[in-house]
N, C-alpha and C. Protein backbone atom coordinates (compact mmCIF):
# COMPACT_ATOMS: atom_id res chain seq x y z
N MET A 1 -19.52 63.36 4.28
CA MET A 1 -18.15 62.77 4.21
C MET A 1 -18.19 61.49 5.14
N THR A 2 -17.74 60.45 4.52
CA THR A 2 -17.69 59.16 5.29
C THR A 2 -16.39 59.01 6.04
N GLU A 3 -16.45 58.41 7.19
CA GLU A 3 -15.23 58.15 8.02
C GLU A 3 -14.59 56.89 7.55
N LYS A 4 -13.29 56.91 7.44
CA LYS A 4 -12.58 55.65 7.06
C LYS A 4 -12.18 54.94 8.35
N PRO A 5 -12.28 53.61 8.35
CA PRO A 5 -11.85 52.86 9.51
C PRO A 5 -10.33 53.02 9.76
N ARG A 6 -9.99 53.09 10.98
CA ARG A 6 -8.55 53.19 11.36
C ARG A 6 -8.06 51.86 11.67
N THR A 7 -6.86 51.55 11.22
CA THR A 7 -6.27 50.21 11.48
C THR A 7 -4.89 50.33 12.09
N ASP A 8 -4.58 51.46 12.67
CA ASP A 8 -3.27 51.72 13.21
C ASP A 8 -3.13 51.41 14.65
N GLY A 9 -4.00 50.65 15.23
CA GLY A 9 -3.93 50.28 16.60
C GLY A 9 -4.60 51.28 17.60
N GLU A 10 -5.14 52.36 17.06
CA GLU A 10 -5.78 53.32 17.93
C GLU A 10 -7.16 52.87 18.25
N ARG A 11 -7.77 53.47 19.24
CA ARG A 11 -9.16 53.16 19.59
C ARG A 11 -10.09 53.72 18.53
N LEU A 12 -11.12 52.99 18.30
CA LEU A 12 -12.23 53.46 17.39
C LEU A 12 -13.50 52.92 17.94
N THR A 13 -14.59 53.07 17.24
CA THR A 13 -15.84 52.55 17.71
C THR A 13 -16.23 51.34 16.82
N ALA A 14 -17.17 50.54 17.34
CA ALA A 14 -17.60 49.41 16.57
C ALA A 14 -18.25 49.82 15.21
N ALA A 15 -18.84 51.00 15.14
CA ALA A 15 -19.47 51.50 13.99
C ALA A 15 -18.40 51.86 12.91
N ARG A 16 -17.22 52.22 13.29
CA ARG A 16 -16.22 52.60 12.36
C ARG A 16 -15.28 51.47 11.95
N MET A 17 -15.47 50.30 12.54
CA MET A 17 -14.64 49.16 12.17
C MET A 17 -14.92 48.75 10.73
N ALA A 18 -13.95 48.23 10.05
CA ALA A 18 -14.15 47.68 8.66
C ALA A 18 -14.83 46.33 8.77
N THR A 19 -15.58 46.04 7.76
CA THR A 19 -16.19 44.63 7.69
C THR A 19 -15.09 43.61 7.73
N GLY A 20 -15.26 42.62 8.62
CA GLY A 20 -14.21 41.60 8.75
C GLY A 20 -13.15 41.92 9.78
N GLN A 21 -13.15 43.10 10.26
CA GLN A 21 -12.15 43.50 11.25
C GLN A 21 -12.45 43.01 12.64
N SER A 22 -11.51 42.59 13.41
CA SER A 22 -11.78 42.15 14.81
C SER A 22 -11.11 43.18 15.73
N ALA A 23 -11.66 43.24 16.92
CA ALA A 23 -11.24 44.19 17.90
C ALA A 23 -11.69 43.73 19.31
N THR A 24 -11.00 44.27 20.31
CA THR A 24 -11.43 43.94 21.71
C THR A 24 -12.15 45.15 22.25
N VAL A 25 -13.26 44.90 22.90
CA VAL A 25 -14.07 45.98 23.51
C VAL A 25 -13.29 46.50 24.67
N VAL A 26 -13.15 47.83 24.68
CA VAL A 26 -12.45 48.51 25.74
C VAL A 26 -13.38 49.20 26.68
N GLU A 27 -14.44 49.81 26.17
CA GLU A 27 -15.31 50.61 27.00
C GLU A 27 -16.67 50.76 26.35
N ILE A 28 -17.74 50.81 27.13
CA ILE A 28 -19.10 51.09 26.68
C ILE A 28 -19.39 52.48 27.16
N LYS A 29 -19.58 53.43 26.24
CA LYS A 29 -19.81 54.81 26.53
C LYS A 29 -21.30 55.13 26.56
N GLY A 30 -21.90 54.71 27.62
CA GLY A 30 -23.36 54.96 27.71
C GLY A 30 -23.90 54.74 29.12
N GLY A 31 -25.18 54.93 29.26
CA GLY A 31 -25.75 54.73 30.59
C GLY A 31 -25.88 53.20 30.99
N GLN A 32 -26.40 53.05 32.17
CA GLN A 32 -26.50 51.67 32.68
C GLN A 32 -27.42 50.81 31.86
N GLY A 33 -28.45 51.39 31.30
CA GLY A 33 -29.36 50.62 30.43
C GLY A 33 -28.68 50.08 29.20
N LEU A 34 -27.85 50.88 28.55
CA LEU A 34 -27.11 50.42 27.38
C LEU A 34 -26.12 49.40 27.79
N VAL A 35 -25.40 49.62 28.88
CA VAL A 35 -24.41 48.63 29.38
C VAL A 35 -25.08 47.33 29.64
N ASN A 36 -26.22 47.36 30.31
CA ASN A 36 -26.90 46.11 30.63
C ASN A 36 -27.47 45.43 29.35
N ARG A 37 -27.96 46.13 28.39
CA ARG A 37 -28.42 45.57 27.18
C ARG A 37 -27.35 44.86 26.37
N LEU A 38 -26.22 45.54 26.24
CA LEU A 38 -25.09 44.97 25.52
C LEU A 38 -24.50 43.78 26.26
N ASP A 39 -24.45 43.89 27.58
CA ASP A 39 -24.00 42.72 28.38
C ASP A 39 -24.82 41.50 28.12
N ALA A 40 -26.16 41.71 28.02
CA ALA A 40 -27.04 40.58 27.77
C ALA A 40 -26.72 39.97 26.44
N LEU A 41 -26.23 40.71 25.49
CA LEU A 41 -25.89 40.21 24.11
C LEU A 41 -24.45 39.59 24.11
N GLY A 42 -23.78 39.76 25.27
CA GLY A 42 -22.41 39.21 25.30
C GLY A 42 -21.30 40.23 24.97
N ILE A 43 -21.70 41.48 24.76
CA ILE A 43 -20.74 42.53 24.37
C ILE A 43 -20.43 43.32 25.63
N ARG A 44 -19.19 43.08 26.18
CA ARG A 44 -18.73 43.82 27.40
C ARG A 44 -17.25 43.97 27.27
N PRO A 45 -16.68 44.90 28.06
CA PRO A 45 -15.21 45.18 28.03
C PRO A 45 -14.44 43.83 28.17
N GLY A 46 -13.41 43.73 27.36
CA GLY A 46 -12.58 42.54 27.38
C GLY A 46 -12.96 41.47 26.34
N LYS A 47 -14.17 41.57 25.77
CA LYS A 47 -14.63 40.64 24.75
C LYS A 47 -14.10 41.00 23.36
N ARG A 48 -13.79 40.01 22.61
CA ARG A 48 -13.35 40.24 21.21
C ARG A 48 -14.57 40.13 20.30
N ILE A 49 -14.71 41.18 19.41
CA ILE A 49 -15.85 41.13 18.45
C ILE A 49 -15.26 41.26 17.09
N THR A 50 -16.03 40.79 16.08
CA THR A 50 -15.67 40.92 14.71
C THR A 50 -16.87 41.48 13.99
N LYS A 51 -16.63 42.50 13.19
CA LYS A 51 -17.74 43.15 12.43
C LYS A 51 -18.07 42.31 11.23
N VAL A 52 -19.25 41.85 11.10
CA VAL A 52 -19.71 41.02 10.04
C VAL A 52 -20.24 41.82 8.90
N SER A 53 -21.12 42.82 9.20
CA SER A 53 -21.65 43.68 8.13
C SER A 53 -22.30 44.90 8.78
N ALA A 54 -22.59 45.83 7.86
CA ALA A 54 -23.32 47.04 8.28
C ALA A 54 -24.18 47.47 7.15
N ALA A 55 -25.39 47.91 7.45
CA ALA A 55 -26.28 48.41 6.39
C ALA A 55 -25.83 49.81 5.98
N PHE A 56 -26.18 50.19 4.77
CA PHE A 56 -25.83 51.47 4.21
C PHE A 56 -26.54 52.59 5.01
N MET A 57 -25.93 53.66 5.16
CA MET A 57 -26.49 54.94 5.72
C MET A 57 -26.95 54.74 7.17
N HIS A 58 -26.09 54.27 8.06
CA HIS A 58 -26.32 54.24 9.45
C HIS A 58 -27.35 53.20 9.85
N GLY A 59 -27.38 52.15 9.17
CA GLY A 59 -28.35 51.03 9.50
C GLY A 59 -27.76 50.12 10.55
N PRO A 60 -28.32 49.00 10.85
CA PRO A 60 -27.91 48.11 11.83
C PRO A 60 -26.43 47.56 11.50
N VAL A 61 -25.69 47.27 12.60
CA VAL A 61 -24.38 46.69 12.45
C VAL A 61 -24.39 45.29 13.06
N VAL A 62 -23.91 44.38 12.27
CA VAL A 62 -23.84 42.95 12.75
C VAL A 62 -22.47 42.65 13.18
N VAL A 63 -22.38 42.16 14.43
CA VAL A 63 -21.04 41.77 14.98
C VAL A 63 -21.10 40.31 15.47
N ARG A 64 -19.95 39.61 15.44
CA ARG A 64 -19.84 38.30 15.99
C ARG A 64 -19.15 38.46 17.33
N VAL A 65 -19.75 37.91 18.31
CA VAL A 65 -19.21 37.85 19.64
C VAL A 65 -19.33 36.40 20.13
N ASP A 66 -18.18 35.79 20.58
CA ASP A 66 -18.09 34.41 20.85
C ASP A 66 -18.52 33.65 19.54
N ARG A 67 -19.55 32.91 19.58
CA ARG A 67 -19.99 32.16 18.36
C ARG A 67 -21.36 32.63 17.89
N ALA A 68 -21.82 33.75 18.44
CA ALA A 68 -23.11 34.28 17.99
C ALA A 68 -22.93 35.61 17.16
N GLU A 69 -23.92 35.83 16.27
CA GLU A 69 -23.88 37.01 15.53
C GLU A 69 -25.13 37.85 16.01
N VAL A 70 -24.91 39.11 16.40
CA VAL A 70 -25.96 39.99 16.86
C VAL A 70 -25.98 41.26 16.08
N ALA A 71 -27.18 41.76 15.86
CA ALA A 71 -27.38 43.00 15.17
C ALA A 71 -27.68 44.07 16.20
N ILE A 72 -26.95 45.14 16.14
CA ILE A 72 -27.19 46.32 17.08
C ILE A 72 -27.34 47.57 16.20
N GLY A 73 -28.04 48.54 16.76
CA GLY A 73 -28.25 49.77 16.06
C GLY A 73 -26.97 50.54 15.86
N PHE A 74 -26.92 51.40 14.86
CA PHE A 74 -25.73 52.16 14.56
C PHE A 74 -25.35 53.10 15.79
N GLY A 75 -26.40 53.58 16.46
CA GLY A 75 -26.12 54.46 17.62
C GLY A 75 -25.44 53.68 18.76
N MET A 76 -25.95 52.49 18.94
CA MET A 76 -25.30 51.60 19.94
C MET A 76 -23.83 51.29 19.59
N ALA A 77 -23.63 51.01 18.32
CA ALA A 77 -22.27 50.61 17.84
C ALA A 77 -21.31 51.79 18.00
N ARG A 78 -21.81 53.05 17.85
CA ARG A 78 -20.98 54.17 18.05
C ARG A 78 -20.56 54.42 19.49
N LYS A 79 -21.19 53.73 20.47
CA LYS A 79 -20.84 53.88 21.84
C LYS A 79 -19.94 52.76 22.42
N ILE A 80 -19.54 51.84 21.46
CA ILE A 80 -18.71 50.77 21.93
C ILE A 80 -17.29 51.11 21.42
N ALA A 81 -16.43 51.43 22.39
CA ALA A 81 -15.04 51.78 22.11
C ALA A 81 -14.27 50.46 22.05
N VAL A 82 -13.47 50.29 20.96
CA VAL A 82 -12.75 49.03 20.75
C VAL A 82 -11.28 49.36 20.43
N GLN A 83 -10.45 48.32 20.64
CA GLN A 83 -9.00 48.37 20.29
C GLN A 83 -8.77 47.35 19.22
N PRO A 84 -8.50 47.72 18.02
CA PRO A 84 -8.36 46.80 16.92
C PRO A 84 -7.19 45.79 17.21
N ASP A 85 -7.34 44.54 16.67
CA ASP A 85 -6.31 43.52 16.87
C ASP A 85 -5.12 43.86 16.00
């Protein structure tokens, strides 16, 4: 069963965002290594991201942060809590 993206203003994860949807990062739910890795990519709490694309069946998720597009693994995307715009 596939999860449908929520657009009602509730928190969700970057993995569950719809393609083209924008949101603000609220929290990174992971260890310091993950937090540091995402910070190096520009993904940190308070930043606005837009989901560009996602591969079928839990493949990489491409997000736009600032003016850069970065690909992150599905597992990493599941640990990024966001608040949709």
